[in-house]
Structures are given as C-alpha cells and as structure tokens.
Amino acid sequence: MGTTSQIEKSKSKVISADEAVKRIPNDATLTIGGLISILCPEKVLAALGERFLATAEPKNLSVITPVRVGWDPTKSTGLEHVAYKGMLKRLVSGSFNVKESPNLTSMIRNNEIEAYNFSMGTLFQLIRSIAGGHPGLLTKAGLHTYVDPRLDGGRLNDFTKTELNQLIEINGEEHLFYPSFPIDVAIIRGTTADENGNITLEDEPTTLSGLEMAMAAKASGGYVIAQVKRLTENNTLHPRSVEIPGILVDAIVIDEEQTQSLLQGHDPSWTGETRKPMSQLRKPLPLDEKKVILQRAAEEIEPGMTVNLGVGIPVDLPRLAIEQDFFKDITFSLEHGAIGGVPMGVEVFGAHINPDAFVTSPQIFDFYQGGGLSATLLGFAQIDSSGNVNVSKFNGIYRGSGGFIDITHKTPKILYCGTLTSGGLKVSVADGQLKIENEGRHKKFVESIEHMTFNAAEAIKKGQEVLYITERCVFRLETDGLLLIEHAPGVDVEKDILANVDCKVSISPDLKEMKSSYFKQSTSEVVMERM
C-alpha cells in the first residue's frame, strides 16, 4: 500500500479544463452558474467552446441559466462559448443582452435554437426543486404575464414549440407549474477548493446558486465541474466557510488568473473583508433628468423600508441617499442575494459595497415572492394606457425579465422610473424648472406593448401602489388605467407630455406641479423636506 499522502493525491479531483469538459456528453442538459461578469466559470466555458470547434462535440446541448453569464467588452465570454450552430439546441435563461452575447441573441432571432425566457426567481427555484427530487415548481409568480402559457409561455421565437410550463388549478386558485427535468452537468465557480472538492466563496460578491446547481446535477446522476482560483490542502477549510461540500463535486478546475469580476480586479469591500468609509462613497449626482426622477421617487421611500433596485436609473438611488443623508434609514437589496450596503451600478450589477449579509439566490426570491420587500424602483421600456409594462422584448431586442416578475409579484409599492421618451432626449434643469431642449425620437408610453412583463390589472387586484415617474410628469395606476397626477414646473402639459404619449391617459382634477426643489442644484431644500 502507498503512503497516506500518495493515497490522498490519487483521490484528487483536480483536473485540467480540457479534461473536465471532455466528460460532457452529446445531448446533455447543462446548468451554468454566474451573474454577467461575476462568478462566471470562464476557463471551463472557454475550454468547452474550444472542444466543440476542434471536434464538433458535444452537440445538441440544452442550457439552463437563471442569469446571463459572461461580459467582457474586449472579447467573447460566458455563454458565447456555446453559441455555435449544432452545439446549442435549447437555451432557457432569465436574461439576455445583445452587447454581451451577440452570437447567442442572433441565434435566437434567426430561429437557430429553441429559446425560452422565464423569470429569474422561477429558474433558481426550479433548480432547487430538481435538487430535492421534487416533481417540479409550483408558483403564482408570472401569472398573466408573457411566461403564462395562455400568452407566450416564455417562448422567444417561432422555432420554439414545446411548452415547458403548465397552468393548473389548486383549491380554485391558478398556479404555474414547471415540471422538473434531469440536469446532466453543472458548471459552477467558487474561490478556494481542497482536493476533496470542498468549495468556499470568500472572494465572491454574491452566492447565487452553486450549491443548488450541484445538488440538482447529483440528484439527476450527473456531473459537477467547479472552477476555483486556488487549491488548499485537505482538512484546512473551516467547515462553516464551505459553501459547496466536496461530496457534490466531481472535477475541480484551477484558474489562477480568476478575478472577482471579468471587468475588474479584487475589491475587498464587496465581500466584507474591508468596509469603505462613507466619505469615499459620497459623490453627488449631477442635476439632470435622472436625478429629478430619483428625487421624486425618494419621496415615496420611508425610514425602515427594504428597497429593491432595478437596472438603469434606479441603481443610483443609493448615491442620492448618501448625498441627502437618508441612506442609514433604509436597506437596499438586489435580487442576487447581497443585503445592505451600497449596490453597485451597471458596471458590476449584483455586487454591493459594504454588504451586511449574503443569502442564496433561491432564498432572496423566496423573500421577494413572500412580500418581504417594502418598495422597488424599476425601469421600463414600454407602458400602455392600462399601466402594463414591458421590459423583456421590444424593437426586436431580447432582454428578458430577469428578476422583474418576481420582484413585482408581491411588493406593495412599485415605482417605475424612466424618461418619458428616449433616443436623443436632451433636457436642461435649472432654477427650479425643466426645459425640453431636444425631444426623444422614441415614445415609451405606447398604444400596445410588445411583451406583458407586468400586468397592471393583477396589481390592482392585489392592492399594490404603482407610480410611473418620469423627468416631466408622474402617473399613478388607477382601476381604469394611467392618471396624470403631477407635472414638472416649466413643462407644458399638452405640448411636452400629452403630445408625446401614444396611449390614453386621464388627467387628475388635482393635477399639481412637482416640487421645484427637485429642479435646483442645491439639495438643501429636498433634505429639509424629508426631515
């Protein structure tokens, strides 16, 4: 018999990326972890793409990923490594971006693959259901939106025929049911591994669902590949720091060049290793249309609230909160599991500076769908006269809903934040007034939306409060649709608002001006009004 060290070495799960991906069979169903530039197992995915280009295998893959994976403006990353005809058969994802994945989105548009878009929370929870050996996921989130089989059923192109969810009734109430299916391979990422495959996440700014993905693959008799930055000796990891036990991991791929984000290096304030002083985070926003919108939205935020932020204008609310000294009164939460602190903007969406805690992705969506949020600020692409909102598919662009459907499912206060028009819009803000210098080419309030991401009638039934806040006016959702309740000082209601709205709106008999303090460089008046 060999020595103990020789036996341990022979049991090492560490292999090269090339060796790891050789074990992925044709016709496999893969689940891939990652959040755009965060937790992306880039080395493994690159090796998978290189294998296909060299051998034409593995082919006919089905990929399920709750969030789009990969983003580096200088090269192809993430899911682009599987975006080859013959390699990818089906994609099920929560979000898409043509800039990040041009080949992938082209394949969807050209009917070269089956493509589905379901809500992010649903996909995370479905993977957890598969991990537990359950028959599927039962949820009310998404009823009467485009994921409902009575509408599009989440299908994105004509090539996609199979229905992956069903409408069922339990005790007289409607639910969506997503049947489970086997996961053959999970590709996930962590920070440190020992040779037994125990994985930690100490350098990662989110947790996501690596554990659930690995469990889903093992429950299906599948194979788990974990990419990490470094290897440590067995029996040196504190058991409380292990996020993914080695019993779930088949192969470890080391990437010593792995960075916290594909877009930048290590920031210890994202993980709680250090905390940045608030003085370093105090960067006043310029007085423009975005700040006007945020200042009006902040009027709806009360001390003690837990607030979610969507991509776009909403992500700058923490900067406004720091600037105007109400940051300490509220807790911010993005749908990727970090809680508290200062959420990052679009550059590394999902990371928080100085977070208070981390939970997994399935857990954060349990919290959201259970009504745990106080309010949410979200963007919009299209809004119709009923107050329905589209953010997921418009003008031939596939974006997906991300966590939007889950966030709006039970949150009592929903604040849609965006400009009234887009495409060349230019405004000036000064002396307490707003002036339209150049009108946008595209109207966002339209007669008919292309995709039902938010169903206003359902929100009315649930008793949710919904505002649509733009730089020049504010609408409130009423039973019969949009009601104009405020306009900016300096704005002509007929010329600047109604003429740029292609849907029917009602005008409140109590129509009033937005506060002039929102349109002044000094924020002192706004701060005083909040006190």
Protein backbone atom coordinates (compact mmCIF):
# COMPACT_ATOMS: atom_id res chain seq x y z
CA MET A 1 0.00 0.00 0.00
CA GLY A 2 1.12 3.57 -0.63
CA THR A 3 1.63 6.27 1.95
CA THR A 4 -1.26 8.39 3.18
CA SER A 5 -0.09 11.34 1.08
CA GLN A 6 0.05 9.14 -2.03
CA ILE A 7 -3.49 7.88 -1.40
CA GLU A 8 -4.78 11.43 -0.91
CA LYS A 9 -3.05 12.57 -4.09
CA SER A 10 -4.57 9.74 -6.10
CA LYS A 11 -8.02 10.87 -4.95
CA SER A 12 -7.53 14.47 -6.01
CA LYS A 13 -10.38 15.85 -8.07
CA VAL A 14 -8.17 18.49 -9.68
CA ILE A 15 -8.01 18.16 -13.46
CA SER A 16 -7.47 20.50 -16.39
CA ALA A 17 -10.32 22.39 -18.01
CA ASP A 18 -9.84 20.34 -21.18
CA GLU A 19 -10.15 17.09 -19.25
CA ALA A 20 -13.21 18.33 -17.39
CA VAL A 21 -15.20 19.27 -20.49
CA LYS A 22 -14.31 16.02 -22.30
CA ARG A 23 -16.69 14.31 -19.90
CA ILE A 24 -19.68 16.32 -21.11
CA PRO A 25 -21.71 14.09 -23.45
CA ASN A 26 -23.73 14.94 -26.52
CA ASP A 27 -27.41 15.81 -25.90
CA ALA A 28 -26.66 16.82 -22.31
CA THR A 29 -28.62 19.34 -20.25
CA LEU A 30 -26.29 21.79 -18.52
CA THR A 31 -26.90 24.34 -15.80
CA ILE A 32 -24.30 27.10 -15.71
CA GLY A 33 -23.67 29.42 -12.77
CA GLY A 34 -22.72 33.07 -12.93
CA LEU A 35 -24.09 36.59 -12.99
CA ILE A 36 -22.86 38.53 -16.02
CA SER A 37 -19.23 39.25 -15.01
CA ILE A 38 -19.49 37.75 -11.50
CA LEU A 39 -18.94 34.07 -10.62
CA CYS A 40 -18.50 33.25 -14.30
CA PRO A 41 -16.64 29.91 -14.78
CA GLU A 42 -14.88 31.40 -17.79
CA LYS A 43 -11.96 28.99 -18.10
CA VAL A 44 -14.26 25.96 -18.21
CA LEU A 45 -16.68 27.54 -20.67
CA ALA A 46 -13.83 28.61 -22.95
CA ALA A 47 -12.48 25.05 -22.95
CA LEU A 48 -15.96 23.74 -23.77
CA GLY A 49 -16.21 26.03 -26.78
CA GLU A 50 -12.71 25.09 -27.95
CA ARG A 51 -13.57 21.40 -27.71
CA PHE A 52 -16.59 21.87 -29.96
CA LEU A 53 -14.63 23.86 -32.53
CA ALA A 54 -11.97 21.13 -32.63
CA THR A 55 -14.19 18.02 -32.56
CA ALA A 56 -17.81 19.14 -33.24
CA GLU A 57 -18.70 17.73 -29.80
CA PRO A 58 -20.52 17.96 -27.50
CA LYS A 59 -23.52 18.70 -29.68
CA ASN A 60 -27.24 19.34 -29.15
CA LEU A 61 -26.78 20.81 -25.68
CA SER A 62 -29.61 22.28 -23.61
CA VAL A 63 -28.52 25.06 -21.25
CA ILE A 64 -30.45 26.43 -18.27
CA THR A 65 -29.02 29.55 -16.64
CA PRO A 66 -31.15 31.82 -14.43
CA VAL A 67 -28.95 34.82 -15.28
CA ARG A 68 -26.97 35.57 -18.42
CA VAL A 69 -23.33 34.65 -17.96
CA GLY A 70 -20.26 36.49 -19.23
CA TRP A 71 -19.36 40.07 -20.04
CA ASP A 72 -16.08 41.50 -21.33
CA PRO A 73 -16.33 44.22 -24.00
CA THR A 74 -12.97 43.18 -25.46
CA LYS A 75 -13.75 39.52 -26.21
CA SER A 76 -16.35 36.76 -26.24
CA THR A 77 -17.05 35.28 -22.82
CA GLY A 78 -19.57 33.20 -20.92
CA LEU A 79 -22.45 31.81 -22.95
CA GLU A 80 -20.86 32.98 -26.20
CA HIS A 81 -18.64 29.90 -25.87
CA VAL A 82 -21.66 27.66 -26.51
CA ALA A 83 -23.24 29.85 -29.19
CA TYR A 84 -22.44 27.61 -32.15
CA LYS A 85 -24.87 26.00 -34.55
CA GLY A 86 -25.04 22.31 -33.77
CA MET A 87 -23.60 22.75 -30.30
CA LEU A 88 -26.54 24.54 -28.68
CA LYS A 89 -30.04 23.14 -29.14
CA ARG A 90 -32.00 24.90 -26.39
CA LEU A 91 -31.44 27.85 -24.07
CA VAL A 92 -33.55 28.61 -21.01
CA SER A 93 -32.49 31.87 -19.36
CA GLY A 94 -33.73 34.71 -17.23
CA SER A 95 -31.97 37.49 -19.14
CA PHE A 96 -30.20 38.36 -22.39
CA ASN A 97 -28.05 41.18 -23.73
CA VAL A 98 -27.11 41.66 -27.37
CA LYS A 99 -23.91 43.55 -26.49
CA GLU A 100 -22.70 40.84 -24.14
CA SER A 101 -23.83 37.87 -26.24
CA PRO A 102 -24.28 38.96 -29.88
CA ASN A 103 -23.90 35.47 -31.35
CA LEU A 104 -26.33 33.95 -28.88
CA THR A 105 -29.03 36.56 -29.42
CA SER A 106 -28.53 36.26 -33.18
CA MET A 107 -29.20 32.53 -32.96
CA ILE A 108 -32.47 33.26 -31.15
CA ARG A 109 -33.53 35.89 -33.68
CA ASN A 110 -32.67 33.63 -36.63
CA ASN A 111 -34.59 30.64 -35.24
CA GLU A 112 -31.44 28.52 -34.95
CA ILE A 113 -32.14 27.37 -31.39
CA GLU A 114 -35.08 26.87 -29.07
CA ALA A 115 -35.14 29.81 -26.67
CA TYR A 116 -37.15 30.41 -23.50
CA ASN A 117 -37.19 33.31 -21.09
CA PHE A 118 -38.62 32.67 -17.64
CA SER A 119 -38.28 34.81 -14.56
CA MET A 120 -35.00 34.55 -12.74
CA GLY A 121 -36.54 33.55 -9.44
CA THR A 122 -38.58 30.81 -11.06
CA LEU A 123 -35.45 29.30 -12.64
CA PHE A 124 -33.45 29.42 -9.41
CA GLN A 125 -36.33 27.82 -7.52
CA LEU A 126 -36.89 25.22 -10.23
CA ILE A 127 -33.24 24.16 -9.98
CA ARG A 128 -33.71 23.83 -6.22
CA SER A 129 -36.81 21.68 -6.83
CA ILE A 130 -34.80 19.42 -9.13
CA ALA A 131 -32.12 19.22 -6.44
CA GLY A 132 -34.71 17.99 -3.95
CA GLY A 133 -36.13 15.38 -6.29
CA HIS A 134 -39.48 17.17 -6.48
CA PRO A 135 -41.81 16.78 -9.48
CA GLY A 136 -41.45 20.46 -10.29
CA LEU A 137 -42.04 24.03 -9.15
CA LEU A 138 -45.45 25.44 -8.33
CA THR A 139 -45.74 29.23 -8.26
CA LYS A 140 -48.13 32.11 -8.75
CA ALA A 141 -45.37 34.48 -9.86
CA GLY A 142 -45.79 35.20 -13.55
CA LEU A 143 -49.50 34.54 -13.92
CA HIS A 144 -50.98 36.76 -16.65
CA THR A 145 -47.54 37.78 -17.93
CA TYR A 146 -45.69 36.53 -21.01
CA VAL A 147 -44.47 33.42 -19.14
CA ASP A 148 -48.07 32.28 -18.73
CA PRO A 149 -48.82 29.54 -21.32
CA ARG A 150 -52.02 31.41 -22.22
CA LEU A 151 -49.75 34.14 -23.61
CA ASP A 152 -46.24 33.24 -24.89
CA GLY A 153 -45.32 30.60 -22.31
CA GLY A 154 -41.84 32.15 -22.22
CA ARG A 155 -41.07 31.15 -25.81
CA LEU A 156 -39.00 33.70 -27.70
CA ASN A 157 -39.11 32.62 -31.35
CA ASP A 158 -41.15 30.61 -33.85
CA PHE A 159 -38.71 27.70 -33.68
CA THR A 160 -39.59 27.12 -30.03
CA LYS A 161 -42.66 24.89 -29.86
CA THR A 162 -42.52 22.79 -26.68
CA GLU A 163 -44.35 24.12 -23.64
CA LEU A 164 -42.16 23.95 -20.52
CA ASN A 165 -44.81 25.06 -18.06
CA GLN A 166 -48.48 24.45 -17.40
CA LEU A 167 -51.44 26.29 -15.92
CA ILE A 168 -53.06 24.30 -13.13
CA GLU A 169 -55.73 24.99 -10.52
CA ILE A 170 -55.46 24.10 -6.83
CA ASN A 171 -58.31 24.84 -4.43
CA GLY A 172 -59.86 27.12 -7.03
CA GLU A 173 -56.69 29.20 -7.49
CA GLU A 174 -54.47 29.36 -10.57
CA HIS A 175 -50.80 28.42 -10.46
CA LEU A 176 -47.98 27.93 -12.93
CA PHE A 177 -46.31 24.54 -12.80
CA TYR A 178 -42.80 23.97 -14.17
CA PRO A 179 -42.05 20.22 -14.39
CA SER A 180 -38.61 19.07 -13.29
CA PHE A 181 -36.14 17.58 -15.76
CA PRO A 182 -32.72 15.90 -15.34
CA ILE A 183 -29.59 18.06 -15.10
CA ASP A 184 -26.66 16.15 -16.62
CA VAL A 185 -23.90 18.67 -15.90
CA ALA A 186 -23.47 21.64 -13.55
CA ILE A 187 -20.68 24.14 -14.20
CA ILE A 188 -20.16 26.41 -11.20
CA ARG A 189 -17.48 28.59 -9.63
CA GLY A 190 -16.00 29.33 -6.23
CA THR A 191 -12.85 30.81 -4.72
CA THR A 192 -10.93 28.06 -2.90
CA ALA A 193 -11.15 24.27 -3.06
CA ASP A 194 -9.41 21.42 -1.33
CA GLU A 195 -8.63 18.25 -3.26
CA ASN A 196 -11.78 16.62 -1.93
CA GLY A 197 -13.81 19.29 -3.72
CA ASN A 198 -14.99 21.37 -0.77
CA ILE A 199 -15.60 24.87 -2.14
CA THR A 200 -15.56 28.31 -0.47
CA LEU A 201 -16.71 31.69 -1.81
CA GLU A 202 -14.68 34.18 0.22
CA ASP A 203 -13.73 36.37 -2.76
CA GLU A 204 -17.14 36.30 -4.44
CA PRO A 205 -19.55 39.28 -4.09
CA THR A 206 -22.64 37.05 -4.37
CA THR A 207 -23.56 33.47 -3.50
CA LEU A 208 -26.03 32.73 -6.32
CA SER A 209 -26.98 29.02 -6.50
CA GLY A 210 -23.83 26.95 -6.93
CA LEU A 211 -24.94 24.60 -4.17
CA GLU A 212 -28.40 24.04 -5.65
CA MET A 213 -26.98 23.55 -9.15
CA ALA A 214 -24.53 20.94 -7.90
CA MET A 215 -27.27 19.18 -5.94
CA ALA A 216 -29.57 19.20 -8.98
CA ALA A 217 -26.91 17.52 -11.10
CA LYS A 218 -26.13 14.91 -8.45
CA ALA A 219 -29.84 14.22 -7.91
CA SER A 220 -30.02 13.51 -11.65
CA GLY A 221 -26.99 11.22 -11.62
CA GLY A 222 -24.99 13.96 -13.30
CA TYR A 223 -21.54 15.51 -13.25
CA VAL A 224 -20.34 18.67 -11.44
CA ILE A 225 -17.42 20.85 -12.53
CA ALA A 226 -16.26 23.59 -10.16
CA GLN A 227 -13.82 26.29 -11.24
CA VAL A 228 -11.85 27.97 -8.45
CA LYS A 229 -8.92 30.35 -8.09
CA ARG A 230 -6.77 28.33 -5.71
CA LEU A 231 -6.27 24.94 -4.12
CA THR A 232 -5.64 24.25 -0.47
CA GLU A 233 -4.69 21.13 1.44
CA ASN A 234 -7.44 18.82 2.65
CA ASN A 235 -8.76 19.42 6.17
CA THR A 236 -7.68 23.10 6.17
CA LEU A 237 -11.00 24.75 5.28
CA HIS A 238 -13.21 25.74 8.19
CA PRO A 239 -16.46 23.79 7.77
CA ARG A 240 -18.51 26.98 8.26
CA SER A 241 -16.76 28.54 5.26
CA VAL A 242 -17.56 25.65 2.93
CA GLU A 243 -20.49 26.65 0.70
CA ILE A 244 -20.45 23.57 -1.57
CA PRO A 245 -19.45 20.24 0.05
CA GLY A 246 -16.96 18.05 -1.78
CA ILE A 247 -19.43 15.16 -1.96
CA LEU A 248 -21.21 17.17 -4.67
CA VAL A 249 -18.15 17.97 -6.80
CA ASP A 250 -16.61 15.65 -9.40
CA ALA A 251 -13.99 17.88 -11.01
CA ILE A 252 -12.02 20.93 -9.86
CA VAL A 253 -10.50 23.27 -12.42
CA ILE A 254 -7.95 25.79 -11.16
CA ASP A 255 -7.78 29.22 -12.76
CA GLU A 256 -5.06 31.20 -11.02
CA GLU A 257 -5.94 34.24 -13.17
CA GLN A 258 -9.56 34.20 -11.98
CA THR A 259 -10.71 37.66 -10.94
CA GLN A 260 -13.61 38.74 -8.75
CA SER A 261 -15.31 40.15 -11.84
CA LEU A 262 -14.45 39.73 -15.51
CA LEU A 263 -14.49 43.52 -15.71
CA GLN A 264 -12.09 44.40 -12.90
CA GLY A 265 -9.87 43.06 -10.17
CA HIS A 266 -10.44 42.48 -6.47
CA ASP A 267 -12.45 44.85 -4.28
CA PRO A 268 -12.45 43.64 -0.66
CA SER A 269 -15.39 45.91 0.22
CA TRP A 270 -17.67 43.71 -1.91
CA THR A 271 -17.23 40.72 0.39
CA GLY A 272 -16.99 42.32 3.83
CA GLU A 273 -13.23 41.83 4.00
CA THR A 274 -12.99 45.62 4.46
CA ARG A 275 -15.54 48.42 4.67
CA LYS A 276 -15.15 51.61 2.69
CA PRO A 277 -15.68 54.85 4.66
CA MET A 278 -18.91 56.59 3.69
CA SER A 279 -16.89 59.71 2.91
CA GLN A 280 -15.39 57.85 -0.07
CA LEU A 281 -18.87 56.99 -1.34
CA ARG A 282 -20.30 60.50 -1.18
CA LYS A 283 -20.35 61.53 -4.84
CA PRO A 284 -23.20 63.95 -5.54
CA LEU A 285 -25.22 63.23 -8.65
CA PRO A 286 -25.28 65.84 -11.40
CA LEU A 287 -28.53 67.75 -11.68
CA ASP A 288 -30.13 66.15 -14.74
CA GLU A 289 -33.27 64.24 -15.68
CA LYS A 290 -32.07 61.13 -13.83
CA LYS A 291 -31.61 62.99 -10.57
CA VAL A 292 -35.02 64.63 -10.92
CA ILE A 293 -36.62 61.19 -11.29
CA LEU A 294 -34.73 59.77 -8.33
CA GLN A 295 -35.57 62.71 -6.09
CA ARG A 296 -39.25 62.28 -6.86
CA ALA A 297 -39.02 58.53 -6.25
CA ALA A 298 -37.23 59.11 -2.94
CA GLU A 299 -40.34 60.98 -1.81
CA GLU A 300 -42.04 57.56 -1.64
CA ILE A 301 -39.32 55.91 0.46
CA GLU A 302 -39.84 55.92 4.21
CA PRO A 303 -37.46 55.09 7.07
CA GLY A 304 -37.23 51.40 7.83
CA MET A 305 -38.04 50.26 4.29
CA THR A 306 -36.27 47.44 2.47
CA VAL A 307 -35.88 48.62 -1.12
CA ASN A 308 -35.02 46.75 -4.30
CA LEU A 309 -33.39 48.49 -7.27
CA GLY A 310 -33.57 47.59 -10.94
CA VAL A 311 -31.06 48.19 -13.70
CA GLY A 312 -30.82 51.72 -15.13
CA ILE A 313 -31.79 54.93 -13.35
CA PRO A 314 -32.83 53.17 -10.09
CA VAL A 315 -29.32 51.92 -9.26
CA ASP A 316 -28.22 55.47 -8.45
CA LEU A 317 -30.70 55.86 -5.59
CA PRO A 318 -28.04 54.84 -3.00
CA ARG A 319 -25.81 57.69 -4.19
CA LEU A 320 -28.71 60.11 -3.75
CA ALA A 321 -29.44 58.62 -0.32
CA ILE A 322 -25.83 59.17 0.77
CA GLU A 323 -25.83 62.70 -0.69
CA GLN A 324 -29.05 63.64 1.08
CA ASP A 325 -28.36 61.78 4.32
CA PHE A 326 -31.16 59.23 4.32
CA PHE A 327 -29.02 56.20 3.45
CA LYS A 328 -28.91 54.99 7.06
CA ASP A 329 -32.70 54.89 7.19
CA ILE A 330 -33.24 52.19 4.54
CA THR A 331 -31.84 48.81 3.48
CA PHE A 332 -31.07 48.09 -0.15
CA SER A 333 -31.46 44.66 -1.69
CA LEU A 334 -30.75 43.50 -5.22
CA GLU A 335 -32.09 40.19 -6.47
CA HIS A 336 -28.70 38.49 -6.37
CA GLY A 337 -28.50 37.89 -2.64
CA ALA A 338 -26.37 40.64 -1.09
CA ILE A 339 -28.31 42.63 1.53
CA GLY A 340 -27.47 46.09 2.80
CA GLY A 341 -24.60 48.35 1.87
CA VAL A 342 -24.36 50.24 -1.40
CA PRO A 343 -25.37 48.31 -4.53
CA MET A 344 -23.04 48.80 -7.48
CA GLY A 345 -24.35 50.26 -10.71
CA VAL A 346 -24.43 48.74 -14.15
CA GLU A 347 -20.64 48.24 -14.15
CA VAL A 348 -20.84 45.26 -11.79
CA PHE A 349 -24.55 44.83 -11.16
CA GLY A 350 -25.20 42.45 -8.26
CA ALA A 351 -22.22 43.43 -6.10
CA HIS A 352 -22.67 45.63 -3.02
CA ILE A 353 -20.08 47.80 -1.31
CA ASN A 354 -20.12 47.12 2.45
CA PRO A 355 -22.89 44.47 2.42
CA ASP A 356 -24.46 43.40 5.71
CA ALA A 357 -25.21 39.80 4.71
CA PHE A 358 -25.44 37.30 1.87
CA VAL A 359 -28.18 34.81 1.11
CA THR A 360 -28.53 32.45 -1.83
CA SER A 361 -30.49 33.32 -4.95
CA PRO A 362 -33.37 30.91 -4.22
CA GLN A 363 -33.60 32.37 -0.71
CA ILE A 364 -33.74 36.01 -1.85
CA PHE A 365 -36.54 35.17 -4.27
CA ASP A 366 -38.43 33.34 -1.53
CA PHE A 367 -38.19 36.59 0.43
CA TYR A 368 -39.36 38.70 -2.51
CA GLN A 369 -42.21 36.42 -3.58
CA GLY A 370 -43.35 36.24 0.04
CA GLY A 371 -43.80 40.01 0.14
CA GLY A 372 -40.63 40.84 2.09
CA LEU A 373 -39.79 44.00 0.17
CA SER A 374 -41.27 47.37 1.08
CA ALA A 375 -40.75 49.02 -2.30
CA THR A 376 -38.95 48.63 -5.60
CA LEU A 377 -37.62 51.08 -8.18
CA LEU A 378 -37.59 49.60 -11.68
CA GLY A 379 -37.02 50.82 -15.22
CA PHE A 380 -39.36 50.43 -18.18
CA ALA A 381 -39.19 50.16 -21.96
CA GLN A 382 -42.89 50.39 -22.85
CA ILE A 383 -46.06 51.28 -20.93
CA ASP A 384 -49.63 51.20 -22.25
CA SER A 385 -52.80 53.04 -21.20
CA SER A 386 -53.74 50.27 -18.75
CA GLY A 387 -50.40 50.64 -16.99
CA ASN A 388 -48.99 47.35 -18.28
CA VAL A 389 -45.20 47.37 -18.58
CA ASN A 390 -42.76 45.73 -20.97
CA VAL A 391 -39.04 45.39 -20.22
CA SER A 392 -38.37 41.97 -21.71
CA LYS A 393 -38.75 42.09 -25.50
CA PHE A 394 -39.08 45.21 -27.64
CA ASN A 395 -37.99 46.56 -31.02
CA GLY A 396 -36.52 43.16 -31.90
CA ILE A 397 -34.33 43.23 -28.79
CA TYR A 398 -34.28 40.30 -26.36
CA ARG A 399 -33.62 41.45 -22.80
CA GLY A 400 -35.61 39.04 -20.69
CA SER A 401 -37.33 39.87 -17.44
CA GLY A 402 -34.51 38.97 -15.06
CA GLY A 403 -35.97 39.20 -11.57
CA PHE A 404 -38.63 41.74 -12.62
CA ILE A 405 -41.63 39.39 -12.46
CA ASP A 406 -40.60 38.02 -9.07
CA ILE A 407 -39.93 41.49 -7.66
CA THR A 408 -43.28 42.93 -8.74
CA HIS A 409 -45.26 39.84 -7.70
CA LYS A 410 -45.99 40.96 -4.12
CA THR A 411 -44.09 44.18 -3.45
CA PRO A 412 -46.62 46.69 -2.08
CA LYS A 413 -45.08 49.81 -3.66
CA ILE A 414 -43.74 49.75 -7.23
CA LEU A 415 -42.04 52.84 -8.65
CA TYR A 416 -41.30 52.74 -12.39
CA CYS A 417 -38.54 55.22 -13.15
CA GLY A 418 -37.57 56.40 -16.61
CA THR A 419 -37.70 59.23 -19.10
CA LEU A 420 -40.92 59.87 -21.00
CA THR A 421 -39.16 59.46 -24.35
CA SER A 422 -35.79 58.06 -25.42
CA GLY A 423 -33.33 58.31 -28.26
CA GLY A 424 -31.72 61.75 -28.34
CA LEU A 425 -33.70 63.25 -25.47
CA LYS A 426 -31.97 66.30 -24.05
CA VAL A 427 -33.28 68.39 -21.18
CA SER A 428 -31.94 71.18 -19.02
CA VAL A 429 -32.66 71.50 -15.32
CA ALA A 430 -32.11 74.82 -13.59
CA ASP A 431 -33.72 77.39 -11.30
CA GLY A 432 -36.50 75.07 -10.27
CA GLN A 433 -37.71 74.26 -13.78
CA LEU A 434 -37.32 71.67 -16.53
CA LYS A 435 -36.85 72.56 -20.18
CA ILE A 436 -37.03 70.11 -23.10
CA GLU A 437 -34.09 71.06 -25.34
CA ASN A 438 -34.49 68.14 -27.76
CA GLU A 439 -37.33 65.64 -27.70
CA GLY A 440 -36.56 61.92 -27.82
CA ARG A 441 -37.26 60.03 -31.03
CA HIS A 442 -38.98 57.08 -29.33
CA LYS A 443 -42.17 57.26 -27.31
CA LYS A 444 -42.21 54.86 -24.37
CA PHE A 445 -45.89 55.29 -23.50
CA VAL A 446 -47.48 53.37 -26.36
CA GLU A 447 -50.84 52.12 -27.56
CA SER A 448 -49.84 48.46 -27.23
CA ILE A 449 -46.83 46.87 -25.52
CA GLU A 450 -45.00 44.03 -27.27
CA HIS A 451 -44.48 41.83 -24.19
CA MET A 452 -46.51 41.61 -20.98
CA THR A 453 -43.86 41.73 -18.25
CA PHE A 454 -46.09 43.46 -15.70
CA ASN A 455 -49.86 43.08 -15.65
CA ALA A 456 -51.45 46.20 -14.20
CA ALA A 457 -54.89 44.65 -13.71
CA GLU A 458 -53.37 41.98 -11.47
CA ALA A 459 -51.57 44.67 -9.46
CA ILE A 460 -54.89 46.45 -8.91
CA LYS A 461 -56.42 43.20 -7.64
CA LYS A 462 -53.53 42.74 -5.22
CA GLY A 463 -53.87 46.29 -3.91
CA GLN A 464 -50.36 47.32 -4.98
CA GLU A 465 -49.48 51.01 -5.23
CA VAL A 466 -47.87 51.81 -8.59
CA LEU A 467 -46.35 55.09 -9.78
CA TYR A 468 -44.72 55.86 -13.14
CA ILE A 469 -42.16 58.60 -12.54
CA THR A 470 -40.56 60.50 -15.41
CA GLU A 471 -38.47 63.66 -15.60
CA ARG A 472 -41.51 65.75 -16.60
CA CYS A 473 -44.53 64.08 -15.03
CA VAL A 474 -45.85 61.40 -12.71
CA PHE A 475 -48.67 58.94 -13.44
CA ARG A 476 -50.49 56.79 -10.89
CA LEU A 477 -52.10 53.44 -11.66
CA GLU A 478 -55.86 53.54 -11.19
CA THR A 479 -58.54 50.95 -11.90
CA ASP A 480 -59.19 52.47 -15.32
CA GLY A 481 -55.53 52.99 -16.21
CA LEU A 482 -52.98 55.81 -16.07
CA LEU A 483 -53.79 59.01 -14.23
CA LEU A 484 -51.55 62.06 -14.67
CA ILE A 485 -51.10 63.49 -11.17
CA GLU A 486 -48.03 65.76 -11.41
CA HIS A 487 -46.04 67.70 -13.97
CA ALA A 488 -42.68 69.42 -13.80
CA PRO A 489 -42.52 73.20 -13.42
CA GLY A 490 -41.75 74.79 -16.78
CA VAL A 491 -43.41 71.98 -18.73
CA ASP A 492 -46.45 72.47 -20.96
CA VAL A 493 -48.86 69.60 -20.28
CA GLU A 494 -50.30 69.46 -23.80
CA LYS A 495 -47.13 70.07 -25.78
CA ASP A 496 -44.50 68.34 -23.66
CA ILE A 497 -46.49 65.48 -22.10
CA LEU A 498 -49.71 64.53 -23.88
CA ALA A 499 -48.25 65.05 -27.36
CA ASN A 500 -45.52 62.54 -26.52
CA VAL A 501 -47.81 59.86 -25.14
CA ASP A 502 -49.35 57.47 -27.68
CA CYS A 503 -51.82 55.95 -25.25
CA LYS A 504 -54.89 57.21 -23.47
CA VAL A 505 -54.29 58.81 -20.08
CA SER A 506 -56.60 60.58 -17.68
CA ILE A 507 -55.72 63.89 -16.04
CA SER A 508 -56.32 64.30 -12.34
CA PRO A 509 -58.62 67.18 -11.36
CA ASP A 510 -55.99 67.80 -8.65
CA LEU A 511 -53.06 67.90 -11.09
CA LYS A 512 -50.17 69.68 -9.42
CA GLU A 513 -46.57 70.66 -10.03
CA MET A 514 -43.71 68.51 -8.87
CA LYS A 515 -41.68 70.22 -6.13
CA SER A 516 -39.43 72.92 -7.56
CA SER A 517 -36.65 71.84 -5.17
CA TYR A 518 -36.13 68.73 -7.33
CA PHE A 519 -35.06 71.01 -10.17
CA LYS A 520 -32.44 73.05 -8.31
CA GLN A 521 -28.74 72.41 -7.93
CA SER A 522 -28.81 72.73 -4.16
CA THR A 523 -30.27 69.71 -2.38
CA SER A 524 -30.76 71.50 0.93
CA GLU A 525 -34.46 72.11 0.28
CA VAL A 526 -35.00 68.45 -0.55
CA VAL A 527 -33.18 67.34 2.59
CA MET A 528 -35.23 69.70 4.75
CA GLU A 529 -38.46 68.43 3.18
CA ARG A 530 -37.51 64.85 4.03
CA MET A 531 -36.81 65.65 7.69
